[in-house]
Amino acid sequence: MLSRPAKAHGFSMIAVVGPLLIIGLLMLTALHLSQDHLRRATLAADRAVALREAESALTAAECEIAIATDTPYRSEDCRAAPDAARIAALNPVTLSGFAPGACGEGAARGLCWPLQGESAAALAQLARSDAHAIALAPSHAVTGRKTLAARYVIEPIPDALPGQWMHAGAPRRPWLFRITAIGFGPASVDADGNAEDTPVNVMLQTVYRPRVAEP
C-alpha cells in the first residue's frame, strides 16, 4: 500500500506531465502550420516568377512575328532581328517553315504544326525540353536556386471556321499564329547545379494575327 507522500508525488507527476504534453502538442501544431505557411508562400512566389517568365516569352514571340511579318507592334522594346530565312519561315500565307506533324529546326526552330487532336506543347515536349522551342535567358535569379529558361513555340491555325465557304479563285487567306509559352519558377539545386525538385511552371497561349503585305 502506497503511503500518502508517494500518492501525492504520483499526482504531482501527472499534474506536471499533462500540461507539458499539451504544450508540446501545441508547439508541434504551430510548427506544422508555420512550415505549411512557408511552403504556400514559396509556391506563390515561385508561381509569380513563372508567370512573369511565361509572359516574357509570349511577348518575345509576338515581337518576332511582328518584325517578320511587318506588323505594327505596340511595344517600343520590340527589337527582334530575324534573318531572311526566319522571315520566310514565318510567312503567314506560304507557311514555308511549318511541316504537318512536326517541329522545325534551324530557321524553323520553334515552329510546330500539330496534327488534329494534338497540341503544339505536347508535340514540342515544351514542359520537358527546349530542344524544339525558342528559349529565353532567365531574367530572375535566386541564390541557391535555378530557374529554367522560358520558351515558346508557334503554330499556324486557319483564319476560318471549319466548312466555311470561300469564293472560287479567291486569294489564299493568311493563317493566324497561336503562340504557346511556358515559364518556370526557381528550383533548388544540388552541389552539381542540377535541379533537385520539379519547378512550378505556368503555360500561356495567345493568338496573333499578322499583317499581310498587299499585292
N, C-alpha and C. Protein backbone atom coordinates (compact mmCIF):
# COMPACT_ATOMS: atom_id res chain seq x y z
N MET A 1 0.85 -1.20 0.00
CA MET A 1 0.00 0.00 0.00
C MET A 1 0.89 1.24 0.00
N LEU A 2 0.55 2.15 -0.98
CA LEU A 2 1.36 3.37 -1.08
C LEU A 2 1.05 4.31 0.06
N SER A 3 2.10 4.97 0.50
CA SER A 3 1.92 5.97 1.55
C SER A 3 1.37 7.24 0.93
N ARG A 4 0.87 8.11 1.75
CA ARG A 4 0.32 9.37 1.25
C ARG A 4 1.34 10.22 0.52
N PRO A 5 2.60 10.33 0.99
CA PRO A 5 3.59 11.10 0.22
C PRO A 5 3.83 10.52 -1.18
N ALA A 6 3.82 9.17 -1.26
CA ALA A 6 4.03 8.55 -2.58
C ALA A 6 2.88 8.87 -3.51
N LYS A 7 1.64 8.78 -2.99
CA LYS A 7 0.48 9.12 -3.81
C LYS A 7 0.53 10.57 -4.27
N ALA A 8 0.89 11.44 -3.35
CA ALA A 8 0.97 12.86 -3.69
C ALA A 8 2.02 13.12 -4.76
N HIS A 9 3.13 12.37 -4.68
CA HIS A 9 4.19 12.53 -5.69
C HIS A 9 3.69 12.07 -7.06
N GLY A 10 2.94 10.96 -7.05
CA GLY A 10 2.40 10.46 -8.32
C GLY A 10 1.44 11.45 -8.95
N PHE A 11 0.55 12.01 -8.14
CA PHE A 11 -0.38 13.01 -8.65
C PHE A 11 0.35 14.24 -9.14
N SER A 12 1.45 14.60 -8.48
CA SER A 12 2.23 15.77 -8.89
C SER A 12 2.86 15.54 -10.27
N MET A 13 3.35 14.30 -10.49
CA MET A 13 3.94 13.98 -11.79
C MET A 13 2.89 14.09 -12.90
N ILE A 14 1.70 13.56 -12.63
CA ILE A 14 0.63 13.64 -13.62
C ILE A 14 0.27 15.09 -13.89
N ALA A 15 0.20 15.87 -12.83
CA ALA A 15 -0.17 17.27 -12.98
C ALA A 15 0.87 18.05 -13.78
N VAL A 16 2.14 17.63 -13.72
CA VAL A 16 3.20 18.32 -14.46
C VAL A 16 3.30 17.81 -15.90
N VAL A 17 3.28 16.47 -16.05
CA VAL A 17 3.45 15.88 -17.38
C VAL A 17 2.28 16.22 -18.29
N GLY A 18 1.06 16.23 -17.77
CA GLY A 18 -0.12 16.52 -18.58
C GLY A 18 -0.02 17.86 -19.30
N PRO A 19 0.19 18.95 -18.58
CA PRO A 19 0.33 20.25 -19.26
C PRO A 19 1.52 20.30 -20.22
N LEU A 20 2.64 19.59 -19.86
CA LEU A 20 3.79 19.58 -20.76
C LEU A 20 3.44 18.91 -22.08
N LEU A 21 2.68 17.81 -22.01
CA LEU A 21 2.26 17.15 -23.24
C LEU A 21 1.37 18.06 -24.09
N ILE A 22 0.48 18.74 -23.44
CA ILE A 22 -0.41 19.66 -24.16
C ILE A 22 0.39 20.78 -24.81
N ILE A 23 1.35 21.33 -24.06
CA ILE A 23 2.19 22.41 -24.60
C ILE A 23 3.00 21.89 -25.78
N GLY A 24 3.54 20.65 -25.65
CA GLY A 24 4.31 20.07 -26.74
C GLY A 24 3.48 19.88 -28.00
N LEU A 25 2.25 19.40 -27.83
CA LEU A 25 1.36 19.21 -28.98
C LEU A 25 1.03 20.55 -29.65
N LEU A 26 0.80 21.56 -28.81
CA LEU A 26 0.51 22.89 -29.36
C LEU A 26 1.70 23.44 -30.14
N MET A 27 2.90 23.24 -29.60
CA MET A 27 4.10 23.73 -30.30
C MET A 27 4.32 22.97 -31.61
N LEU A 28 4.06 21.65 -31.60
CA LEU A 28 4.20 20.86 -32.82
C LEU A 28 3.20 21.31 -33.89
N THR A 29 1.97 21.59 -33.45
CA THR A 29 0.95 22.09 -34.38
C THR A 29 1.35 23.44 -34.95
N ALA A 30 1.85 24.30 -34.08
CA ALA A 30 2.29 25.63 -34.55
C ALA A 30 3.44 25.50 -35.55
N LEU A 31 4.35 24.55 -35.30
CA LEU A 31 5.48 24.33 -36.22
C LEU A 31 4.98 23.87 -37.58
N HIS A 32 4.03 22.92 -37.57
CA HIS A 32 3.48 22.44 -38.83
C HIS A 32 2.76 23.55 -39.59
N LEU A 33 2.01 24.37 -38.86
CA LEU A 33 1.32 25.49 -39.51
C LEU A 33 2.30 26.49 -40.10
N SER A 34 3.39 26.73 -39.36
CA SER A 34 4.40 27.66 -39.84
C SER A 34 5.08 27.12 -41.10
N GLN A 35 5.40 25.82 -41.10
CA GLN A 35 6.01 25.21 -42.27
C GLN A 35 5.06 25.21 -43.47
N ASP A 36 3.78 24.96 -43.22
CA ASP A 36 2.80 24.98 -44.30
C ASP A 36 2.65 26.38 -44.87
N HIS A 37 2.65 27.38 -44.00
CA HIS A 37 2.54 28.78 -44.45
C HIS A 37 3.77 29.14 -45.29
N LEU A 38 4.96 28.70 -44.87
CA LEU A 38 6.18 28.99 -45.61
C LEU A 38 6.15 28.31 -46.98
N ARG A 39 5.65 27.07 -47.01
CA ARG A 39 5.57 26.34 -48.27
C ARG A 39 4.61 27.03 -49.23
N ARG A 40 3.46 27.46 -48.71
CA ARG A 40 2.48 28.16 -49.56
C ARG A 40 3.04 29.48 -50.07
N ALA A 41 3.74 30.19 -49.19
CA ALA A 41 4.32 31.47 -49.61
C ALA A 41 5.39 31.26 -50.68
N THR A 42 6.20 30.21 -50.52
CA THR A 42 7.23 29.92 -51.51
C THR A 42 6.61 29.54 -52.85
N LEU A 43 5.56 28.71 -52.82
CA LEU A 43 4.88 28.32 -54.05
C LEU A 43 4.27 29.53 -54.76
N ALA A 44 3.68 30.43 -53.97
CA ALA A 44 3.08 31.63 -54.56
C ALA A 44 4.16 32.50 -55.21
N ALA A 45 5.29 32.64 -54.53
CA ALA A 45 6.39 33.44 -55.09
C ALA A 45 6.96 32.78 -56.34
N ASP A 46 7.11 31.45 -56.30
CA ASP A 46 7.63 30.73 -57.47
C ASP A 46 6.66 30.84 -58.65
N ARG A 47 5.37 30.77 -58.37
CA ARG A 47 4.40 30.88 -59.45
C ARG A 47 4.42 32.29 -60.06
N ALA A 48 4.63 33.29 -59.22
CA ALA A 48 4.72 34.66 -59.74
C ALA A 48 5.92 34.80 -60.68
N VAL A 49 7.04 34.17 -60.32
CA VAL A 49 8.22 34.19 -61.19
C VAL A 49 7.92 33.47 -62.50
N ALA A 50 7.28 32.29 -62.39
CA ALA A 50 6.95 31.50 -63.59
C ALA A 50 6.01 32.27 -64.51
N LEU A 51 5.04 32.96 -63.93
CA LEU A 51 4.10 33.74 -64.74
C LEU A 51 4.82 34.87 -65.46
N ARG A 52 5.72 35.55 -64.75
CA ARG A 52 6.46 36.65 -65.38
C ARG A 52 7.35 36.13 -66.52
N GLU A 53 7.97 34.97 -66.31
CA GLU A 53 8.81 34.39 -67.36
C GLU A 53 7.97 33.98 -68.57
N ALA A 54 6.80 33.39 -68.32
CA ALA A 54 5.93 32.99 -69.43
C ALA A 54 5.44 34.20 -70.21
N GLU A 55 5.10 35.28 -69.51
CA GLU A 55 4.67 36.50 -70.19
C GLU A 55 5.80 37.08 -71.03
N SER A 56 7.03 36.99 -70.53
CA SER A 56 8.18 37.49 -71.30
C SER A 56 8.36 36.68 -72.58
N ALA A 57 8.19 35.36 -72.48
CA ALA A 57 8.31 34.51 -73.67
C ALA A 57 7.21 34.80 -74.66
N LEU A 58 6.00 35.03 -74.16
CA LEU A 58 4.87 35.35 -75.03
C LEU A 58 5.13 36.66 -75.77
N THR A 59 5.63 37.65 -75.05
CA THR A 59 5.94 38.95 -75.65
C THR A 59 7.04 38.82 -76.69
N ALA A 60 8.06 38.01 -76.40
CA ALA A 60 9.16 37.82 -77.35
C ALA A 60 8.66 37.18 -78.64
N ALA A 61 7.73 36.22 -78.52
CA ALA A 61 7.18 35.57 -79.71
C ALA A 61 6.36 36.56 -80.54
N GLU A 62 5.54 37.35 -79.88
CA GLU A 62 4.74 38.36 -80.59
C GLU A 62 5.65 39.35 -81.31
N CYS A 63 6.71 39.73 -80.63
CA CYS A 63 7.66 40.68 -81.23
C CYS A 63 8.31 40.09 -82.47
N GLU A 64 8.71 38.82 -82.38
CA GLU A 64 9.36 38.18 -83.52
C GLU A 64 8.41 38.10 -84.72
N ILE A 65 7.16 37.70 -84.47
CA ILE A 65 6.19 37.60 -85.57
C ILE A 65 5.93 38.99 -86.17
N ALA A 66 5.81 39.99 -85.31
CA ALA A 66 5.54 41.34 -85.79
C ALA A 66 6.64 41.83 -86.72
N ILE A 67 7.90 41.62 -86.32
CA ILE A 67 9.01 42.07 -87.15
C ILE A 67 9.07 41.27 -88.45
N ALA A 68 8.86 39.94 -88.35
CA ALA A 68 8.97 39.09 -89.53
C ALA A 68 7.87 39.36 -90.55
N THR A 69 6.69 39.77 -90.07
CA THR A 69 5.56 39.99 -90.98
C THR A 69 5.27 41.47 -91.20
N ASP A 70 6.15 42.33 -90.67
CA ASP A 70 5.99 43.77 -90.82
C ASP A 70 4.63 44.23 -90.27
N THR A 71 4.27 43.68 -89.11
CA THR A 71 3.02 44.04 -88.44
C THR A 71 3.32 45.06 -87.35
N PRO A 72 2.60 46.17 -87.30
CA PRO A 72 2.83 47.15 -86.23
C PRO A 72 2.67 46.49 -84.85
N TYR A 73 3.59 46.84 -83.96
CA TYR A 73 3.57 46.24 -82.62
C TYR A 73 3.56 47.35 -81.59
N ARG A 74 2.84 47.10 -80.51
CA ARG A 74 2.57 48.16 -79.53
C ARG A 74 3.76 48.47 -78.63
N SER A 75 4.72 47.55 -78.52
CA SER A 75 5.82 47.73 -77.57
C SER A 75 7.02 48.37 -78.25
N GLU A 76 7.58 49.39 -77.60
CA GLU A 76 8.79 50.04 -78.12
C GLU A 76 10.04 49.21 -77.84
N ASP A 77 9.90 48.19 -76.97
CA ASP A 77 11.04 47.35 -76.63
C ASP A 77 11.22 46.20 -77.62
N CYS A 78 10.37 46.13 -78.62
CA CYS A 78 10.47 45.05 -79.60
C CYS A 78 11.62 45.33 -80.56
N ARG A 79 12.70 44.59 -80.39
CA ARG A 79 13.89 44.81 -81.23
C ARG A 79 14.39 43.49 -81.84
N ALA A 80 13.49 42.57 -82.08
CA ALA A 80 13.88 41.31 -82.69
C ALA A 80 14.47 41.57 -84.08
N ALA A 81 15.41 40.72 -84.49
CA ALA A 81 16.05 40.91 -85.79
C ALA A 81 16.14 39.57 -86.52
N PRO A 82 15.01 39.02 -86.93
CA PRO A 82 15.05 37.74 -87.65
C PRO A 82 15.72 37.90 -89.00
N ASP A 83 16.48 36.87 -89.41
CA ASP A 83 17.13 36.94 -90.72
C ASP A 83 16.14 36.58 -91.82
N ALA A 84 16.62 36.62 -93.06
CA ALA A 84 15.73 36.39 -94.20
C ALA A 84 15.10 35.00 -94.17
N ALA A 85 15.88 34.00 -93.74
CA ALA A 85 15.35 32.64 -93.69
C ALA A 85 14.24 32.52 -92.64
N ARG A 86 14.41 33.19 -91.52
CA ARG A 86 13.39 33.14 -90.47
C ARG A 86 12.14 33.89 -90.93
N ILE A 87 12.31 35.01 -91.59
CA ILE A 87 11.17 35.77 -92.10
C ILE A 87 10.38 34.94 -93.10
N ALA A 88 11.08 34.23 -93.98
CA ALA A 88 10.39 33.36 -94.94
C ALA A 88 9.66 32.23 -94.24
N ALA A 89 10.27 31.69 -93.18
CA ALA A 89 9.64 30.58 -92.44
C ALA A 89 8.35 31.01 -91.76
N LEU A 90 8.28 32.29 -91.40
CA LEU A 90 7.10 32.81 -90.69
C LEU A 90 6.10 33.47 -91.64
N ASN A 91 6.22 33.22 -92.92
CA ASN A 91 5.26 33.79 -93.87
C ASN A 91 3.88 33.21 -93.60
N PRO A 92 2.88 34.04 -93.27
CA PRO A 92 1.56 33.52 -92.89
C PRO A 92 0.72 33.01 -94.05
N VAL A 93 1.20 33.16 -95.28
CA VAL A 93 0.47 32.65 -96.45
C VAL A 93 1.07 31.34 -96.93
N THR A 94 2.39 31.32 -97.10
CA THR A 94 3.04 30.10 -97.60
C THR A 94 3.33 29.08 -96.51
N LEU A 95 3.53 29.55 -95.26
CA LEU A 95 3.87 28.66 -94.12
C LEU A 95 5.05 27.77 -94.47
N SER A 96 6.05 28.35 -95.09
CA SER A 96 7.17 27.55 -95.56
C SER A 96 8.00 26.94 -94.42
N GLY A 97 7.90 27.49 -93.22
CA GLY A 97 8.67 26.96 -92.11
C GLY A 97 7.93 25.91 -91.30
N PHE A 98 6.73 25.54 -91.72
CA PHE A 98 5.92 24.59 -90.96
C PHE A 98 5.73 23.29 -91.75
N ALA A 99 5.83 22.17 -91.05
CA ALA A 99 5.58 20.86 -91.64
C ALA A 99 4.55 20.14 -90.76
N PRO A 100 3.45 19.67 -91.34
CA PRO A 100 2.41 19.00 -90.53
C PRO A 100 2.97 17.84 -89.71
N GLY A 101 2.61 17.84 -88.43
CA GLY A 101 3.02 16.76 -87.54
C GLY A 101 4.44 16.85 -87.04
N ALA A 102 5.08 18.01 -87.19
CA ALA A 102 6.49 18.12 -86.79
C ALA A 102 6.80 19.53 -86.30
N CYS A 103 7.94 19.63 -85.62
CA CYS A 103 8.51 20.92 -85.24
C CYS A 103 9.78 21.13 -86.05
N GLY A 104 9.99 22.35 -86.50
CA GLY A 104 11.11 22.62 -87.39
C GLY A 104 12.44 22.75 -86.67
N GLU A 105 13.50 22.83 -87.48
CA GLU A 105 14.86 23.02 -86.98
C GLU A 105 15.50 24.17 -87.76
N GLY A 106 16.63 24.62 -87.26
CA GLY A 106 17.33 25.70 -87.94
C GLY A 106 16.51 26.97 -87.96
N ALA A 107 16.28 27.51 -89.16
CA ALA A 107 15.50 28.74 -89.29
C ALA A 107 14.05 28.52 -88.89
N ALA A 108 13.61 27.27 -88.84
CA ALA A 108 12.22 26.96 -88.47
C ALA A 108 12.10 26.44 -87.04
N ARG A 109 13.14 26.64 -86.26
CA ARG A 109 13.09 26.18 -84.87
C ARG A 109 11.94 26.86 -84.12
N GLY A 110 11.21 26.08 -83.34
CA GLY A 110 10.10 26.62 -82.57
C GLY A 110 8.82 26.76 -83.37
N LEU A 111 8.84 26.37 -84.65
CA LEU A 111 7.64 26.43 -85.50
C LEU A 111 7.07 25.01 -85.60
N CYS A 112 5.93 24.78 -84.99
CA CYS A 112 5.33 23.44 -84.90
C CYS A 112 3.95 23.44 -85.53
N TRP A 113 3.61 22.32 -86.14
CA TRP A 113 2.30 22.17 -86.77
C TRP A 113 1.69 20.86 -86.28
N PRO A 114 1.02 20.87 -85.15
CA PRO A 114 0.44 19.63 -84.61
C PRO A 114 -0.71 19.12 -85.48
N LEU A 115 -0.85 17.82 -85.49
CA LEU A 115 -1.97 17.21 -86.20
C LEU A 115 -3.25 17.38 -85.40
N GLN A 116 -4.38 17.07 -86.01
CA GLN A 116 -5.67 17.22 -85.33
C GLN A 116 -5.69 16.35 -84.06
N GLY A 117 -6.12 16.94 -82.97
CA GLY A 117 -6.17 16.24 -81.70
C GLY A 117 -4.87 16.31 -80.91
N GLU A 118 -3.86 16.94 -81.46
CA GLU A 118 -2.57 17.08 -80.80
C GLU A 118 -2.32 18.55 -80.49
N SER A 119 -1.54 18.82 -79.47
CA SER A 119 -1.21 20.20 -79.12
C SER A 119 0.25 20.48 -79.46
N ALA A 120 0.53 21.75 -79.71
CA ALA A 120 1.91 22.14 -80.01
C ALA A 120 2.81 21.91 -78.80
N ALA A 121 2.27 22.13 -77.60
CA ALA A 121 3.07 21.92 -76.39
C ALA A 121 3.48 20.46 -76.25
N ALA A 122 2.55 19.55 -76.57
CA ALA A 122 2.87 18.12 -76.49
C ALA A 122 3.82 17.71 -77.60
N LEU A 123 3.61 18.23 -78.79
CA LEU A 123 4.46 17.89 -79.92
C LEU A 123 5.90 18.32 -79.66
N ALA A 124 6.07 19.49 -79.09
CA ALA A 124 7.42 20.01 -78.82
C ALA A 124 7.96 19.57 -77.47
N GLN A 125 7.13 18.86 -76.67
CA GLN A 125 7.52 18.48 -75.31
C GLN A 125 8.01 19.73 -74.56
N LEU A 126 7.19 20.75 -74.62
CA LEU A 126 7.58 22.08 -74.17
C LEU A 126 7.93 22.13 -72.69
N ALA A 127 7.21 21.38 -71.87
CA ALA A 127 7.47 21.43 -70.43
C ALA A 127 8.73 20.67 -70.03
N ARG A 128 9.19 19.77 -70.90
CA ARG A 128 10.32 18.92 -70.55
C ARG A 128 11.64 19.38 -71.15
N SER A 129 11.59 20.04 -72.30
CA SER A 129 12.82 20.37 -73.01
C SER A 129 12.60 21.59 -73.90
N ASP A 130 13.71 22.26 -74.21
CA ASP A 130 13.65 23.38 -75.16
C ASP A 130 14.26 22.99 -76.50
N ALA A 131 14.37 21.68 -76.76
CA ALA A 131 15.01 21.19 -77.99
C ALA A 131 14.27 21.64 -79.24
N HIS A 132 12.95 21.81 -79.13
CA HIS A 132 12.16 22.20 -80.30
C HIS A 132 11.53 23.58 -80.14
N ALA A 133 12.01 24.35 -79.18
CA ALA A 133 11.40 25.64 -78.88
C ALA A 133 12.45 26.75 -78.94
N ILE A 134 11.96 27.97 -78.90
CA ILE A 134 12.83 29.14 -78.77
C ILE A 134 12.93 29.46 -77.29
N ALA A 135 14.14 29.41 -76.75
CA ALA A 135 14.35 29.62 -75.32
C ALA A 135 14.91 31.01 -75.06
N LEU A 136 14.49 31.57 -73.92
CA LEU A 136 14.97 32.89 -73.50
C LEU A 136 15.88 32.71 -72.29
N ALA A 137 16.79 33.64 -72.11
CA ALA A 137 17.64 33.62 -70.93
C ALA A 137 16.80 33.97 -69.70
N PRO A 138 16.93 33.21 -68.59
CA PRO A 138 16.16 33.54 -67.38
C PRO A 138 16.44 34.97 -66.93
N SER A 139 15.37 35.68 -66.57
CA SER A 139 15.53 37.07 -66.14
C SER A 139 15.45 37.21 -64.63
N HIS A 140 15.27 36.08 -63.91
CA HIS A 140 15.11 36.14 -62.47
C HIS A 140 16.09 35.16 -61.84
N ALA A 141 16.96 35.64 -60.97
CA ALA A 141 17.94 34.79 -60.31
C ALA A 141 17.70 34.77 -58.81
N VAL A 142 17.78 33.59 -58.21
CA VAL A 142 17.62 33.42 -56.77
C VAL A 142 18.83 32.64 -56.26
N THR A 143 19.49 33.15 -55.24
CA THR A 143 20.67 32.50 -54.72
C THR A 143 20.35 31.08 -54.28
N GLY A 144 21.14 30.13 -54.76
CA GLY A 144 20.94 28.74 -54.38
C GLY A 144 19.82 28.04 -55.11
N ARG A 145 19.17 28.72 -56.04
CA ARG A 145 18.07 28.11 -56.79
C ARG A 145 18.27 28.40 -58.27
N LYS A 146 17.76 27.51 -59.09
CA LYS A 146 17.97 27.59 -60.53
C LYS A 146 16.65 27.80 -61.24
N THR A 147 16.64 28.70 -62.21
CA THR A 147 15.43 28.96 -63.00
C THR A 147 15.66 28.46 -64.42
N LEU A 148 14.80 27.56 -64.88
CA LEU A 148 14.89 27.07 -66.25
C LEU A 148 14.48 28.18 -67.22
N ALA A 149 15.01 28.11 -68.42
CA ALA A 149 14.72 29.13 -69.42
C ALA A 149 13.27 29.05 -69.88
N ALA A 150 12.61 30.20 -69.93
CA ALA A 150 11.27 30.26 -70.52
C ALA A 150 11.40 29.99 -72.01
N ARG A 151 10.33 29.46 -72.62
CA ARG A 151 10.42 29.08 -74.03
C ARG A 151 9.06 29.20 -74.70
N TYR A 152 9.08 29.20 -76.03
CA TYR A 152 7.81 29.29 -76.75
C TYR A 152 7.88 28.54 -78.07
N VAL A 153 6.70 28.18 -78.56
CA VAL A 153 6.55 27.60 -79.90
C VAL A 153 5.41 28.33 -80.59
N ILE A 154 5.43 28.30 -81.90
CA ILE A 154 4.42 28.97 -82.72
C ILE A 154 3.79 27.94 -83.65
N GLU A 155 2.47 27.95 -83.76
CA GLU A 155 1.77 27.03 -84.66
C GLU A 155 0.78 27.82 -85.52
N PRO A 156 0.53 27.38 -86.74
CA PRO A 156 -0.45 28.05 -87.59
C PRO A 156 -1.85 27.50 -87.34
N ILE A 157 -2.83 28.38 -87.35
CA ILE A 157 -4.23 27.96 -87.28
C ILE A 157 -5.00 28.72 -88.36
N PRO A 158 -5.96 28.07 -89.01
CA PRO A 158 -6.67 28.72 -90.11
C PRO A 158 -7.53 29.88 -89.62
N ASP A 159 -7.58 30.90 -90.43
CA ASP A 159 -8.41 32.07 -90.12
C ASP A 159 -9.80 31.90 -90.74
N ALA A 160 -10.41 30.77 -90.46
CA ALA A 160 -11.74 30.47 -91.00
C ALA A 160 -12.34 29.35 -90.18
N LEU A 161 -13.66 29.32 -90.10
CA LEU A 161 -14.34 28.26 -89.39
C LEU A 161 -14.37 27.01 -90.25
N PRO A 162 -14.34 25.82 -89.64
CA PRO A 162 -14.41 24.59 -90.43
C PRO A 162 -15.67 24.57 -91.31
N GLY A 163 -15.48 24.29 -92.59
CA GLY A 163 -16.62 24.22 -93.50
C GLY A 163 -17.05 25.56 -94.05
N GLN A 164 -16.36 26.63 -93.68
CA GLN A 164 -16.74 27.96 -94.16
C GLN A 164 -16.52 28.06 -95.67
N TRP A 165 -17.51 28.59 -96.37
CA TRP A 165 -17.45 28.66 -97.84
C TRP A 165 -16.61 29.84 -98.28
N MET A 166 -15.81 29.62 -99.34
CA MET A 166 -14.99 30.69 -99.89
C MET A 166 -15.23 30.78 -101.39
N HIS A 167 -15.10 31.97 -101.93
CA HIS A 167 -15.29 32.18 -103.37
C HIS A 167 -14.22 31.45 -104.17
N ALA A 168 -14.62 30.88 -105.28
CA ALA A 168 -13.65 30.24 -106.17
C ALA A 168 -12.71 31.29 -106.73
N GLY A 169 -11.44 30.99 -106.74
CA GLY A 169 -10.44 31.91 -107.25
C GLY A 169 -10.04 32.99 -106.28
N ALA A 170 -10.59 32.94 -105.07
CA ALA A 170 -10.22 33.95 -104.07
C ALA A 170 -8.76 33.73 -103.66
N PRO A 171 -8.06 34.80 -103.33
CA PRO A 171 -6.65 34.64 -102.91
C PRO A 171 -6.57 33.84 -101.61
N ARG A 172 -5.43 33.19 -101.43
CA ARG A 172 -5.23 32.38 -100.23
C ARG A 172 -5.29 33.26 -99.00
N ARG A 173 -6.07 32.85 -98.04
CA ARG A 173 -6.22 33.63 -96.82
C ARG A 173 -5.04 33.36 -95.89
N PRO A 174 -4.44 34.40 -95.34
CA PRO A 174 -3.31 34.19 -94.43
C PRO A 174 -3.75 33.45 -93.17
N TRP A 175 -2.84 32.70 -92.61
CA TRP A 175 -3.11 31.96 -91.38
C TRP A 175 -2.85 32.84 -90.16
N LEU A 176 -3.46 32.46 -89.07
CA LEU A 176 -3.15 33.07 -87.78
C LEU A 176 -2.05 32.25 -87.12
N PHE A 177 -1.41 32.85 -86.15
CA PHE A 177 -0.38 32.13 -85.40
C PHE A 177 -0.80 32.03 -83.93
N ARG A 178 -0.77 30.80 -83.42
CA ARG A 178 -1.03 30.61 -81.98
C ARG A 178 0.30 30.38 -81.29
N ILE A 179 0.54 31.18 -80.27
CA ILE A 179 1.79 31.10 -79.50
C ILE A 179 1.51 30.36 -78.20
N THR A 180 2.34 29.41 -77.88
CA THR A 180 2.29 28.72 -76.59
C THR A 180 3.61 28.97 -75.89
N ALA A 181 3.55 29.57 -74.71
CA ALA A 181 4.76 29.90 -73.96
C ALA A 181 4.68 29.30 -72.57
N ILE A 182 5.84 28.94 -72.04
CA ILE A 182 5.90 28.38 -70.69
C ILE A 182 7.05 29.03 -69.93
N GLY A 183 6.78 29.33 -68.66
CA GLY A 183 7.79 29.90 -67.77
C GLY A 183 7.90 29.04 -66.53
N PHE A 184 9.05 29.09 -65.88
CA PHE A 184 9.32 28.24 -64.72
C PHE A 184 9.72 29.07 -63.51
N GLY A 185 9.34 28.57 -62.34
CA GLY A 185 9.78 29.17 -61.10
C GLY A 185 11.12 28.59 -60.69
N PRO A 186 11.80 29.19 -59.71
CA PRO A 186 13.11 28.69 -59.27
C PRO A 186 12.98 27.30 -58.65
N ALA A 187 14.03 26.49 -58.80
CA ALA A 187 14.09 25.16 -58.20
C ALA A 187 15.39 25.04 -57.42
N SER A 188 15.35 24.31 -56.32
CA SER A 188 16.57 24.08 -55.53
C SER A 188 17.54 23.23 -56.34
N VAL A 189 18.83 23.46 -56.14
CA VAL A 189 19.86 22.74 -56.89
C VAL A 189 20.80 22.02 -55.94
N ASP A 190 21.42 20.94 -56.45
CA ASP A 190 22.40 20.21 -55.65
C ASP A 190 23.79 20.79 -55.86
N ALA A 191 24.80 20.09 -55.35
CA ALA A 191 26.17 20.60 -55.44
C ALA A 191 26.65 20.70 -56.88
N ASP A 192 26.07 19.90 -57.77
CA ASP A 192 26.48 19.92 -59.18
C ASP A 192 25.67 20.90 -60.01
N GLY A 193 24.75 21.62 -59.37
CA GLY A 193 23.94 22.60 -60.09
C GLY A 193 22.72 22.02 -60.76
N ASN A 194 22.38 20.76 -60.45
CA ASN A 194 21.20 20.13 -61.04
C ASN A 194 19.99 20.36 -60.15
N ALA A 195 18.83 20.55 -60.79
CA ALA A 195 17.61 20.80 -60.03
C ALA A 195 17.25 19.59 -59.19
N GLU A 196 16.90 19.82 -57.92
CA GLU A 196 16.55 18.74 -57.00
C GLU A 196 15.05 18.47 -56.98
N ASP A 197 14.25 19.40 -57.44
CA ASP A 197 12.81 19.22 -57.42
C ASP A 197 12.22 19.73 -58.74
N THR A 198 10.95 19.42 -58.94
CA THR A 198 10.27 19.86 -60.16
C THR A 198 9.79 21.30 -59.97
N PRO A 199 10.24 22.22 -60.81
CA PRO A 199 9.85 23.62 -60.61
C PRO A 199 8.39 23.87 -60.99
N VAL A 200 7.83 24.90 -60.38
CA VAL A 200 6.49 25.35 -60.75
C VAL A 200 6.54 25.92 -62.16
N ASN A 201 5.53 25.66 -62.97
CA ASN A 201 5.51 26.25 -64.30
C ASN A 201 4.14 26.83 -64.62
N VAL A 202 4.13 27.80 -65.49
CA VAL A 202 2.91 28.46 -65.96
C VAL A 202 2.95 28.47 -67.48
N MET A 203 1.86 28.02 -68.11
CA MET A 203 1.80 27.99 -69.57
C MET A 203 0.72 28.97 -70.04
N LEU A 204 1.06 29.79 -71.03
CA LEU A 204 0.15 30.79 -71.56
C LEU A 204 0.01 30.60 -73.08
N GLN A 205 -1.12 31.02 -73.60
CA GLN A 205 -1.35 30.98 -75.05
C GLN A 205 -2.01 32.27 -75.50
N THR A 206 -1.74 32.63 -76.73
CA THR A 206 -2.42 33.75 -77.36
C THR A 206 -2.43 33.50 -78.87
N VAL A 207 -3.36 34.14 -79.54
CA VAL A 207 -3.46 34.03 -80.99
C VAL A 207 -3.08 35.39 -81.59
N TYR A 208 -2.18 35.35 -82.57
CA TYR A 208 -1.65 36.58 -83.17
C TYR A 208 -2.08 36.64 -84.64
N ARG A 209 -2.60 37.78 -85.04
CA ARG A 209 -3.00 37.97 -86.44
C ARG A 209 -1.94 38.84 -87.13
N PRO A 210 -1.12 38.22 -87.97
CA PRO A 210 -0.09 39.01 -88.66
C PRO A 210 -0.69 39.81 -89.82
N ARG A 211 0.01 40.85 -90.18
CA ARG A 211 -0.42 41.64 -91.33
C ARG A 211 0.22 41.08 -92.59
N VAL A 212 -0.53 41.04 -93.65
CA VAL A 212 -0.02 40.53 -94.93
C VAL A 212 0.12 41.69 -95.89
N ALA A 213 1.25 41.77 -96.52
CA ALA A 213 1.50 42.87 -97.47
C ALA A 213 0.52 42.79 -98.63
N GLU A 214 0.03 43.95 -99.03
CA GLU A 214 -0.89 43.99 -100.17
C GLU A 214 -0.14 43.68 -101.46
N PRO A 215 -0.74 42.90 -102.38
CA PRO A 215 -0.07 42.58 -103.65
C PRO A 215 0.10 43.82 -104.50
